[in-house]
Amino acid sequence: MLIFSAPSGGGKTTIVKAVLKHFPQLAFSVSTTSRSQRPGEINAKDYYFISSEEFRRKIENDEFIEWQEVYPGIFYGTQKSELDRILTQGKNPVF
């Protein structure tokens, strides 16, 4: 497991893309969010986009490894199923 952490706009995505090109044993962990999809973003590639209500239901069902309410009603998190997807491929997740 490899975790990159930085403030918004800190270049995490740029670094992760470069790392993934050189280390095929790694796979990008797609986060889930309740925020609106932005132009150019692709569901299930950039994020899994779901409603706040669905996010809350998944929290109640213990479907997240980690989650945070970043702004009122705007959640981000990592679903257990996403980690399972990566591990099933025999790869290590990059967060």
PDB file of N, CA and C in Angstrom:
ATOM      1  N   MET A   1       0.850  -1.164   0.000  1.00  0.00           N
ATOM      2  CA  MET A   1       0.000   0.000   0.000  1.00  0.00           C
ATOM      3  C   MET A   1       0.902   1.235   0.000  1.00  0.00           C
ATOM      4  N   LEU A   2       0.567   2.171  -0.871  1.00  0.00           N
ATOM      5  CA  LEU A   2       1.323   3.412  -0.992  1.00  0.00           C
ATOM      6  C   LEU A   2       0.339   4.566  -0.909  1.00  0.00           C
ATOM      7  N   ILE A   3       0.600   5.507  -0.004  1.00  0.00           N
ATOM      8  CA  ILE A   3      -0.318   6.620   0.213  1.00  0.00           C
ATOM      9  C   ILE A   3       0.379   7.937  -0.090  1.00  0.00           C
ATOM     10  N   PHE A   4      -0.236   8.737  -0.949  1.00  0.00           N
ATOM     11  CA  PHE A   4       0.226  10.097  -1.221  1.00  0.00           C
ATOM     12  C   PHE A   4      -0.765  11.046  -0.569  1.00  0.00           C
ATOM     13  N   SER A   5      -0.243  11.998   0.177  1.00  0.00           N
ATOM     14  CA  SER A   5      -1.106  12.945   0.871  1.00  0.00           C
ATOM     15  C   SER A   5      -0.565  14.356   0.684  1.00  0.00           C
ATOM     16  N   ALA A   6      -1.454  15.267   0.334  1.00  0.00           N
ATOM     17  CA  ALA A   6      -1.085  16.674   0.155  1.00  0.00           C
ATOM     18  C   ALA A   6      -2.371  17.487   0.116  1.00  0.00           C
ATOM     19  N   PRO A   7      -2.262  18.771   0.339  1.00  0.00           N
ATOM     20  CA  PRO A   7      -3.452  19.623   0.212  1.00  0.00           C
ATOM     21  C   PRO A   7      -3.993  19.594  -1.218  1.00  0.00           C
ATOM     22  N   SER A   8      -5.241  19.968  -1.362  1.00  0.00           N
ATOM     23  CA  SER A   8      -5.853  20.058  -2.679  1.00  0.00           C
ATOM     24  C   SER A   8      -4.998  20.933  -3.589  1.00  0.00           C
ATOM     25  N   GLY A   9      -4.732  20.451  -4.803  1.00  0.00           N
ATOM     26  CA  GLY A   9      -3.911  21.202  -5.747  1.00  0.00           C
ATOM     27  C   GLY A   9      -2.422  20.999  -5.551  1.00  0.00           C
ATOM     28  N   GLY A  10      -2.047  20.059  -4.682  1.00  0.00           N
ATOM     29  CA  GLY A  10      -0.635  19.841  -4.364  1.00  0.00           C
ATOM     30  C   GLY A  10       0.116  18.968  -5.349  1.00  0.00           C
ATOM     31  N   GLY A  11      -0.551  18.436  -6.365  1.00  0.00           N
ATOM     32  CA  GLY A  11       0.128  17.644  -7.387  1.00  0.00           C
ATOM     33  C   GLY A  11       0.100  16.139  -7.162  1.00  0.00           C
ATOM     34  N   LYS A  12      -0.756  15.666  -6.277  1.00  0.00           N
ATOM     35  CA  LYS A  12      -0.828  14.229  -5.998  1.00  0.00           C
ATOM     36  C   LYS A  12      -1.124  13.420  -7.256  1.00  0.00           C
ATOM     37  N   THR A  13      -2.105  13.849  -8.021  1.00  0.00           N
ATOM     38  CA  THR A  13      -2.501  13.102  -9.215  1.00  0.00           C
ATOM     39  C   THR A  13      -1.355  13.014 -10.208  1.00  0.00           C
ATOM     40  N   THR A  14      -0.631  14.085 -10.401  1.00  0.00           N
ATOM     41  CA  THR A  14       0.514  14.097 -11.317  1.00  0.00           C
ATOM     42  C   THR A  14       1.572  13.098 -10.869  1.00  0.00           C
ATOM     43  N   ILE A  15       1.867  13.081  -9.582  1.00  0.00           N
ATOM     44  CA  ILE A  15       2.871  12.160  -9.045  1.00  0.00           C
ATOM     45  C   ILE A  15       2.397  10.717  -9.178  1.00  0.00           C
ATOM     46  N   VAL A  16       1.159  10.462  -8.813  1.00  0.00           N
ATOM     47  CA  VAL A  16       0.627   9.095  -8.878  1.00  0.00           C
ATOM     48  C   VAL A  16       0.658   8.575 -10.312  1.00  0.00           C
ATOM     49  N   LYS A  17       0.267   9.378 -11.276  1.00  0.00           N
ATOM     50  CA  LYS A  17       0.295   8.944 -12.679  1.00  0.00           C
ATOM     51  C   LYS A  17       1.710   8.571 -13.110  1.00  0.00           C
ATOM     52  N   ALA A  18       2.699   9.344 -12.689  1.00  0.00           N
ATOM     53  CA  ALA A  18       4.092   9.046 -13.031  1.00  0.00           C
ATOM     54  C   ALA A  18       4.549   7.745 -12.374  1.00  0.00           C
ATOM     55  N   VAL A  19       4.199   7.551 -11.126  1.00  0.00           N
ATOM     56  CA  VAL A  19       4.581   6.334 -10.404  1.00  0.00           C
ATOM     57  C   VAL A  19       3.950   5.105 -11.055  1.00  0.00           C
ATOM     58  N   LEU A  20       2.669   5.190 -11.405  1.00  0.00           N
ATOM     59  CA  LEU A  20       1.973   4.048 -11.998  1.00  0.00           C
ATOM     60  C   LEU A  20       2.576   3.624 -13.334  1.00  0.00           C
ATOM     61  N   LYS A  21       3.125   4.557 -14.087  1.00  0.00           N
ATOM     62  CA  LYS A  21       3.763   4.229 -15.370  1.00  0.00           C
ATOM     63  C   LYS A  21       4.984   3.341 -15.176  1.00  0.00           C
ATOM     64  N   HIS A  22       5.673   3.501 -14.054  1.00  0.00           N
ATOM     65  CA  HIS A  22       6.935   2.795 -13.819  1.00  0.00           C
ATOM     66  C   HIS A  22       6.804   1.561 -12.932  1.00  0.00           C
ATOM     67  N   PHE A  23       5.667   1.391 -12.292  1.00  0.00           N
ATOM     68  CA  PHE A  23       5.482   0.271 -11.374  1.00  0.00           C
ATOM     69  C   PHE A  23       4.156  -0.438 -11.666  1.00  0.00           C
ATOM     70  N   PRO A  24       4.175  -1.407 -12.586  1.00  0.00           N
ATOM     71  CA  PRO A  24       2.940  -2.080 -12.992  1.00  0.00           C
ATOM     72  C   PRO A  24       2.297  -2.913 -11.881  1.00  0.00           C
ATOM     73  N   GLN A  25       3.016  -3.159 -10.811  1.00  0.00           N
ATOM     74  CA  GLN A  25       2.452  -3.929  -9.700  1.00  0.00           C
ATOM     75  C   GLN A  25       1.556  -3.069  -8.807  1.00  0.00           C
ATOM     76  N   LEU A  26       1.474  -1.774  -9.117  1.00  0.00           N
ATOM     77  CA  LEU A  26       0.621  -0.856  -8.370  1.00  0.00           C
ATOM     78  C   LEU A  26      -0.653  -0.560  -9.158  1.00  0.00           C
ATOM     79  N   ALA A  27      -1.723  -0.239  -8.444  1.00  0.00           N
ATOM     80  CA  ALA A  27      -2.989   0.144  -9.085  1.00  0.00           C
ATOM     81  C   ALA A  27      -3.600   1.306  -8.317  1.00  0.00           C
ATOM     82  N   PHE A  28      -4.160   2.247  -9.052  1.00  0.00           N
ATOM     83  CA  PHE A  28      -4.778   3.428  -8.458  1.00  0.00           C
ATOM     84  C   PHE A  28      -6.089   3.063  -7.776  1.00  0.00           C
ATOM     85  N   SER A  29      -6.224   3.470  -6.532  1.00  0.00           N
ATOM     86  CA  SER A  29      -7.465   3.259  -5.792  1.00  0.00           C
ATOM     87  C   SER A  29      -8.411   4.420  -6.083  1.00  0.00           C
ATOM     88  N   VAL A  30      -9.536   4.115  -6.701  1.00  0.00           N
ATOM     89  CA  VAL A  30     -10.513   5.141  -7.063  1.00  0.00           C
ATOM     90  C   VAL A  30     -11.374   5.455  -5.843  1.00  0.00           C
ATOM     91  N   SER A  31     -11.336   6.703  -5.412  1.00  0.00           N
ATOM     92  CA  SER A  31     -12.126   7.141  -4.260  1.00  0.00           C
ATOM     93  C   SER A  31     -13.587   7.335  -4.654  1.00  0.00           C
ATOM     94  N   THR A  32     -14.429   7.324  -3.656  1.00  0.00           N
ATOM     95  CA  THR A  32     -15.855   7.597  -3.832  1.00  0.00           C
ATOM     96  C   THR A  32     -16.148   8.976  -3.269  1.00  0.00           C
ATOM     97  N   THR A  33     -16.997   9.742  -3.947  1.00  0.00           N
ATOM     98  CA  THR A  33     -17.352  11.074  -3.469  1.00  0.00           C
ATOM     99  C   THR A  33     -18.825  11.366  -3.727  1.00  0.00           C
ATOM    100  N   SER A  34     -19.342  12.266  -2.910  1.00  0.00           N
ATOM    101  CA  SER A  34     -20.722  12.721  -3.118  1.00  0.00           C
ATOM    102  C   SER A  34     -20.758  14.089  -3.789  1.00  0.00           C
ATOM    103  N   ARG A  35     -19.597  14.620  -4.133  1.00  0.00           N
ATOM    104  CA  ARG A  35     -19.598  15.919  -4.813  1.00  0.00           C
ATOM    105  C   ARG A  35     -20.011  15.740  -6.266  1.00  0.00           C
ATOM    106  N   SER A  36     -20.348  16.840  -6.898  1.00  0.00           N
ATOM    107  CA  SER A  36     -20.754  16.800  -8.306  1.00  0.00           C
ATOM    108  C   SER A  36     -19.574  16.449  -9.200  1.00  0.00           C
ATOM    109  N   GLN A  37     -19.878  15.721 -10.257  1.00  0.00           N
ATOM    110  CA  GLN A  37     -18.872  15.372 -11.246  1.00  0.00           C
ATOM    111  C   GLN A  37     -18.505  16.622 -12.032  1.00  0.00           C
ATOM    112  N   ARG A  38     -17.205  16.854 -12.207  1.00  0.00           N
ATOM    113  CA  ARG A  38     -16.728  18.026 -12.946  1.00  0.00           C
ATOM    114  C   ARG A  38     -16.543  17.673 -14.422  1.00  0.00           C
ATOM    115  N   PRO A  39     -16.569  18.687 -15.292  1.00  0.00           N
ATOM    116  CA  PRO A  39     -16.346  18.422 -16.719  1.00  0.00           C
ATOM    117  C   PRO A  39     -15.027  17.679 -16.936  1.00  0.00           C
ATOM    118  N   GLY A  40     -15.083  16.649 -17.756  1.00  0.00           N
ATOM    119  CA  GLY A  40     -13.893  15.874 -18.080  1.00  0.00           C
ATOM    120  C   GLY A  40     -13.636  14.706 -17.140  1.00  0.00           C
ATOM    121  N   GLU A  41     -14.294  14.670 -15.996  1.00  0.00           N
ATOM    122  CA  GLU A  41     -14.107  13.555 -15.070  1.00  0.00           C
ATOM    123  C   GLU A  41     -14.939  12.364 -15.525  1.00  0.00           C
ATOM    124  N   ILE A  42     -14.391  11.176 -15.306  1.00  0.00           N
ATOM    125  CA  ILE A  42     -15.045   9.943 -15.724  1.00  0.00           C
ATOM    126  C   ILE A  42     -15.388   9.124 -14.484  1.00  0.00           C
ATOM    127  N   ASN A  43     -16.681   8.772 -14.372  1.00  0.00           N
ATOM    128  CA  ASN A  43     -17.113   7.941 -13.253  1.00  0.00           C
ATOM    129  C   ASN A  43     -16.396   6.596 -13.295  1.00  0.00           C
ATOM    130  N   ALA A  44     -15.942   6.131 -12.147  1.00  0.00           N
ATOM    131  CA  ALA A  44     -15.229   4.863 -11.963  1.00  0.00           C
ATOM    132  C   ALA A  44     -13.784   4.920 -12.449  1.00  0.00           C
ATOM    133  N   LYS A  45     -13.349   6.066 -12.944  1.00  0.00           N
ATOM    134  CA  LYS A  45     -11.941   6.254 -13.285  1.00  0.00           C
ATOM    135  C   LYS A  45     -11.340   7.324 -12.378  1.00  0.00           C
ATOM    136  N   ASP A  46     -11.967   8.486 -12.346  1.00  0.00           N
ATOM    137  CA  ASP A  46     -11.479   9.566 -11.489  1.00  0.00           C
ATOM    138  C   ASP A  46     -12.033   9.418 -10.073  1.00  0.00           C
ATOM    139  N   TYR A  47     -13.295   9.152  -9.970  1.00  0.00           N
ATOM    140  CA  TYR A  47     -14.014   8.915  -8.714  1.00  0.00           C
ATOM    141  C   TYR A  47     -15.213   8.041  -9.020  1.00  0.00           C
ATOM    142  N   TYR A  48     -15.771   7.443  -7.972  1.00  0.00           N
ATOM    143  CA  TYR A  48     -17.106   6.873  -8.042  1.00  0.00           C
ATOM    144  C   TYR A  48     -18.018   7.967  -7.510  1.00  0.00           C
ATOM    145  N   PHE A  49     -18.879   8.499  -8.345  1.00  0.00           N
ATOM    146  CA  PHE A  49     -19.771   9.600  -7.963  1.00  0.00           C
ATOM    147  C   PHE A  49     -21.110   9.029  -7.505  1.00  0.00           C
ATOM    148  N   ILE A  50     -21.462   9.317  -6.246  1.00  0.00           N
ATOM    149  CA  ILE A  50     -22.732   8.858  -5.696  1.00  0.00           C
ATOM    150  C   ILE A  50     -23.374  10.015  -4.926  1.00  0.00           C
ATOM    151  N   SER A  51     -24.640   9.877  -4.601  1.00  0.00           N
ATOM    152  CA  SER A  51     -25.338  10.924  -3.851  1.00  0.00           C
ATOM    153  C   SER A  51     -24.905  10.904  -2.380  1.00  0.00           C
ATOM    154  N   SER A  52     -25.154  12.003  -1.692  1.00  0.00           N
ATOM    155  CA  SER A  52     -24.872  12.067  -0.250  1.00  0.00           C
ATOM    156  C   SER A  52     -25.668  11.005   0.500  1.00  0.00           C
ATOM    157  N   GLU A  53     -26.904  10.784   0.071  1.00  0.00           N
ATOM    158  CA  GLU A  53     -27.750   9.787   0.719  1.00  0.00           C
ATOM    159  C   GLU A  53     -27.163   8.383   0.565  1.00  0.00           C
ATOM    160  N   GLU A  54     -26.704   8.068  -0.647  1.00  0.00           N
ATOM    161  CA  GLU A  54     -26.100   6.753  -0.867  1.00  0.00           C
ATOM    162  C   GLU A  54     -24.804   6.629  -0.079  1.00  0.00           C
ATOM    163  N   PHE A  55     -24.025   7.714  -0.015  1.00  0.00           N
ATOM    164  CA  PHE A  55     -22.783   7.686   0.756  1.00  0.00           C
ATOM    165  C   PHE A  55     -23.094   7.374   2.221  1.00  0.00           C
ATOM    166  N   ARG A  56     -24.091   8.058   2.776  1.00  0.00           N
ATOM    167  CA  ARG A  56     -24.472   7.824   4.179  1.00  0.00           C
ATOM    168  C   ARG A  56     -24.932   6.382   4.404  1.00  0.00           C
ATOM    169  N   ARG A  57     -25.672   5.846   3.444  1.00  0.00           N
ATOM    170  CA  ARG A  57     -26.121   4.448   3.549  1.00  0.00           C
ATOM    171  C   ARG A  57     -24.926   3.504   3.579  1.00  0.00           C
ATOM    172  N   LYS A  58     -23.934   3.763   2.733  1.00  0.00           N
ATOM    173  CA  LYS A  58     -22.731   2.932   2.705  1.00  0.00           C
ATOM    174  C   LYS A  58     -21.949   3.052   4.016  1.00  0.00           C
ATOM    175  N   ILE A  59     -21.940   4.238   4.613  1.00  0.00           N
ATOM    176  CA  ILE A  59     -21.303   4.404   5.926  1.00  0.00           C
ATOM    177  C   ILE A  59     -22.014   3.514   6.949  1.00  0.00           C
ATOM    178  N   GLU A  60     -23.339   3.596   6.969  1.00  0.00           N
ATOM    179  CA  GLU A  60     -24.136   2.798   7.914  1.00  0.00           C
ATOM    180  C   GLU A  60     -23.927   1.300   7.713  1.00  0.00           C
ATOM    181  N   ASN A  61     -23.681   0.891   6.473  1.00  0.00           N
ATOM    182  CA  ASN A  61     -23.461  -0.521   6.153  1.00  0.00           C
ATOM    183  C   ASN A  61     -21.998  -0.936   6.277  1.00  0.00           C
ATOM    184  N   ASP A  62     -21.150  -0.040   6.795  1.00  0.00           N
ATOM    185  CA  ASP A  62     -19.724  -0.321   7.018  1.00  0.00           C
ATOM    186  C   ASP A  62     -19.008  -0.736   5.725  1.00  0.00           C
ATOM    187  N   GLU A  63     -19.289  -0.005   4.633  1.00  0.00           N
ATOM    188  CA  GLU A  63     -18.707  -0.332   3.331  1.00  0.00           C
ATOM    189  C   GLU A  63     -17.432   0.451   3.023  1.00  0.00           C
ATOM    190  N   PHE A  64     -17.006   1.309   3.940  1.00  0.00           N
ATOM    191  CA  PHE A  64     -15.812   2.118   3.703  1.00  0.00           C
ATOM    192  C   PHE A  64     -14.658   1.700   4.607  1.00  0.00           C
ATOM    193  N   ILE A  65     -13.449   1.741   4.057  1.00  0.00           N
ATOM    194  CA  ILE A  65     -12.231   1.576   4.855  1.00  0.00           C
ATOM    195  C   ILE A  65     -11.996   2.863   5.626  1.00  0.00           C
ATOM    196  N   GLU A  66     -12.204   3.971   4.926  1.00  0.00           N
ATOM    197  CA  GLU A  66     -12.065   5.299   5.531  1.00  0.00           C
ATOM    198  C   GLU A  66     -12.981   6.243   4.780  1.00  0.00           C
ATOM    199  N   TRP A  67     -13.423   7.284   5.488  1.00  0.00           N
ATOM    200  CA  TRP A  67     -14.257   8.311   4.861  1.00  0.00           C
ATOM    201  C   TRP A  67     -14.170   9.586   5.678  1.00  0.00           C
ATOM    202  N   GLN A  68     -14.535  10.689   5.030  1.00  0.00           N
ATOM    203  CA  GLN A  68     -14.503  11.996   5.683  1.00  0.00           C
ATOM    204  C   GLN A  68     -15.561  12.891   5.054  1.00  0.00           C
ATOM    205  N   GLU A  69     -16.247  13.656   5.881  1.00  0.00           N
ATOM    206  CA  GLU A  69     -17.143  14.697   5.380  1.00  0.00           C
ATOM    207  C   GLU A  69     -16.303  15.968   5.293  1.00  0.00           C
ATOM    208  N   VAL A  70     -15.849  16.297   4.086  1.00  0.00           N
ATOM    209  CA  VAL A  70     -14.905  17.392   3.865  1.00  0.00           C
ATOM    210  C   VAL A  70     -15.591  18.747   3.981  1.00  0.00           C
ATOM    211  N   TYR A  71     -16.772  18.834   3.431  1.00  0.00           N
ATOM    212  CA  TYR A  71     -17.641  20.011   3.543  1.00  0.00           C
ATOM    213  C   TYR A  71     -19.022  19.485   3.911  1.00  0.00           C
ATOM    214  N   PRO A  72     -19.905  20.309   4.452  1.00  0.00           N
ATOM    215  CA  PRO A  72     -21.236  19.808   4.806  1.00  0.00           C
ATOM    216  C   PRO A  72     -21.918  19.088   3.627  1.00  0.00           C
ATOM    217  N   GLY A  73     -22.198  17.806   3.813  1.00  0.00           N
ATOM    218  CA  GLY A  73     -22.864  17.009   2.784  1.00  0.00           C
ATOM    219  C   GLY A  73     -21.968  16.523   1.663  1.00  0.00           C
ATOM    220  N   ILE A  74     -20.685  16.870   1.693  1.00  0.00           N
ATOM    221  CA  ILE A  74     -19.735  16.431   0.661  1.00  0.00           C
ATOM    222  C   ILE A  74     -18.756  15.451   1.297  1.00  0.00           C
ATOM    223  N   PHE A  75     -18.874  14.197   0.882  1.00  0.00           N
ATOM    224  CA  PHE A  75     -18.081  13.119   1.459  1.00  0.00           C
ATOM    225  C   PHE A  75     -17.053  12.602   0.454  1.00  0.00           C
ATOM    226  N   TYR A  76     -15.951  12.101   0.984  1.00  0.00           N
ATOM    227  CA  TYR A  76     -14.940  11.380   0.214  1.00  0.00           C
ATOM    228  C   TYR A  76     -14.569  10.140   1.015  1.00  0.00           C
ATOM    229  N   GLY A  77     -14.261   9.048   0.340  1.00  0.00           N
ATOM    230  CA  GLY A  77     -13.847   7.855   1.062  1.00  0.00           C
ATOM    231  C   GLY A  77     -13.383   6.754   0.133  1.00  0.00           C
ATOM    232  N   THR A  78     -12.885   5.678   0.752  1.00  0.00           N
ATOM    233  CA  THR A  78     -12.419   4.506   0.024  1.00  0.00           C
ATOM    234  C   THR A  78     -13.296   3.322   0.403  1.00  0.00           C
ATOM    235  N   GLN A  79     -13.957   2.756  -0.590  1.00  0.00           N
ATOM    236  CA  GLN A  79     -14.818   1.605  -0.337  1.00  0.00           C
ATOM    237  C   GLN A  79     -13.983   0.328  -0.192  1.00  0.00           C
ATOM    238  N   LYS A  80     -14.435  -0.550   0.675  1.00  0.00           N
ATOM    239  CA  LYS A  80     -13.771  -1.840   0.850  1.00  0.00           C
ATOM    240  C   LYS A  80     -13.738  -2.602  -0.470  1.00  0.00           C
ATOM    241  N   SER A  81     -14.793  -2.474  -1.257  1.00  0.00           N
ATOM    242  CA  SER A  81     -14.859  -3.175  -2.545  1.00  0.00           C
ATOM    243  C   SER A  81     -13.767  -2.703  -3.502  1.00  0.00           C
ATOM    244  N   GLU A  82     -13.350  -1.446  -3.379  1.00  0.00           N
ATOM    245  CA  GLU A  82     -12.276  -0.933  -4.238  1.00  0.00           C
ATOM    246  C   GLU A  82     -10.946  -1.586  -3.866  1.00  0.00           C
ATOM    247  N   LEU A  83     -10.682  -1.716  -2.589  1.00  0.00           N
ATOM    248  CA  LEU A  83      -9.464  -2.392  -2.147  1.00  0.00           C
ATOM    249  C   LEU A  83      -9.491  -3.857  -2.584  1.00  0.00           C
ATOM    250  N   ASP A  84     -10.634  -4.508  -2.447  1.00  0.00           N
ATOM    251  CA  ASP A  84     -10.774  -5.897  -2.895  1.00  0.00           C
ATOM    252  C   ASP A  84     -10.508  -6.021  -4.390  1.00  0.00           C
ATOM    253  N   ARG A  85     -11.000  -5.069  -5.183  1.00  0.00           N
ATOM    254  CA  ARG A  85     -10.793  -5.085  -6.639  1.00  0.00           C
ATOM    255  C   ARG A  85      -9.306  -5.098  -6.969  1.00  0.00           C
ATOM    256  N   ILE A  86      -8.549  -4.260  -6.290  1.00  0.00           N
ATOM    257  CA  ILE A  86      -7.114  -4.141  -6.560  1.00  0.00           C
ATOM    258  C   ILE A  86      -6.365  -5.386  -6.090  1.00  0.00           C
ATOM    259  N   LEU A  87      -6.662  -5.846  -4.890  1.00  0.00           N
ATOM    260  CA  LEU A  87      -5.970  -7.012  -4.343  1.00  0.00           C
ATOM    261  C   LEU A  87      -6.276  -8.272  -5.144  1.00  0.00           C
ATOM    262  N   THR A  88      -7.484  -8.381  -5.682  1.00  0.00           N
ATOM    263  CA  THR A  88      -7.859  -9.520  -6.519  1.00  0.00           C
ATOM    264  C   THR A  88      -7.016  -9.569  -7.793  1.00  0.00           C
ATOM    265  N   GLN A  89      -6.572  -8.410  -8.255  1.00  0.00           N
ATOM    266  CA  GLN A  89      -5.705  -8.328  -9.435  1.00  0.00           C
ATOM    267  C   GLN A  89      -4.259  -8.673  -9.094  1.00  0.00           C
ATOM    268  N   GLY A  90      -3.974  -8.909  -7.808  1.00  0.00           N
ATOM    269  CA  GLY A  90      -2.609  -9.205  -7.385  1.00  0.00           C
ATOM    270  C   GLY A  90      -1.731  -7.969  -7.332  1.00  0.00           C
ATOM    271  N   LYS A  91      -2.367  -6.807  -7.206  1.00  0.00           N
ATOM    272  CA  LYS A  91      -1.616  -5.551  -7.189  1.00  0.00           C
ATOM    273  C   LYS A  91      -1.701  -4.892  -5.818  1.00  0.00           C
ATOM    274  N   ASN A  92      -0.890  -3.868  -5.640  1.00  0.00           N
ATOM    275  CA  ASN A  92      -0.877  -3.088  -4.411  1.00  0.00           C
ATOM    276  C   ASN A  92      -1.539  -1.740  -4.666  1.00  0.00           C
ATOM    277  N   PRO A  93      -2.407  -1.317  -3.759  1.00  0.00           N
ATOM    278  CA  PRO A  93      -3.132  -0.058  -3.980  1.00  0.00           C
ATOM    279  C   PRO A  93      -2.292   1.187  -3.732  1.00  0.00           C
ATOM    280  N   VAL A  94      -2.561   2.183  -4.550  1.00  0.00           N
ATOM    281  CA  VAL A  94      -1.990   3.518  -4.369  1.00  0.00           C
ATOM    282  C   VAL A  94      -3.152   4.436  -4.045  1.00  0.00           C
ATOM    283  N   PHE A  95      -3.038   5.107  -2.908  1.00  0.00           N
ATOM    284  CA  PHE A  95      -4.072   6.044  -2.461  1.00  0.00           C
ATOM    285  C   PHE A  95      -3.555   7.455  -2.619  1.00  0.00           C
TER     286      PHE A  95
END
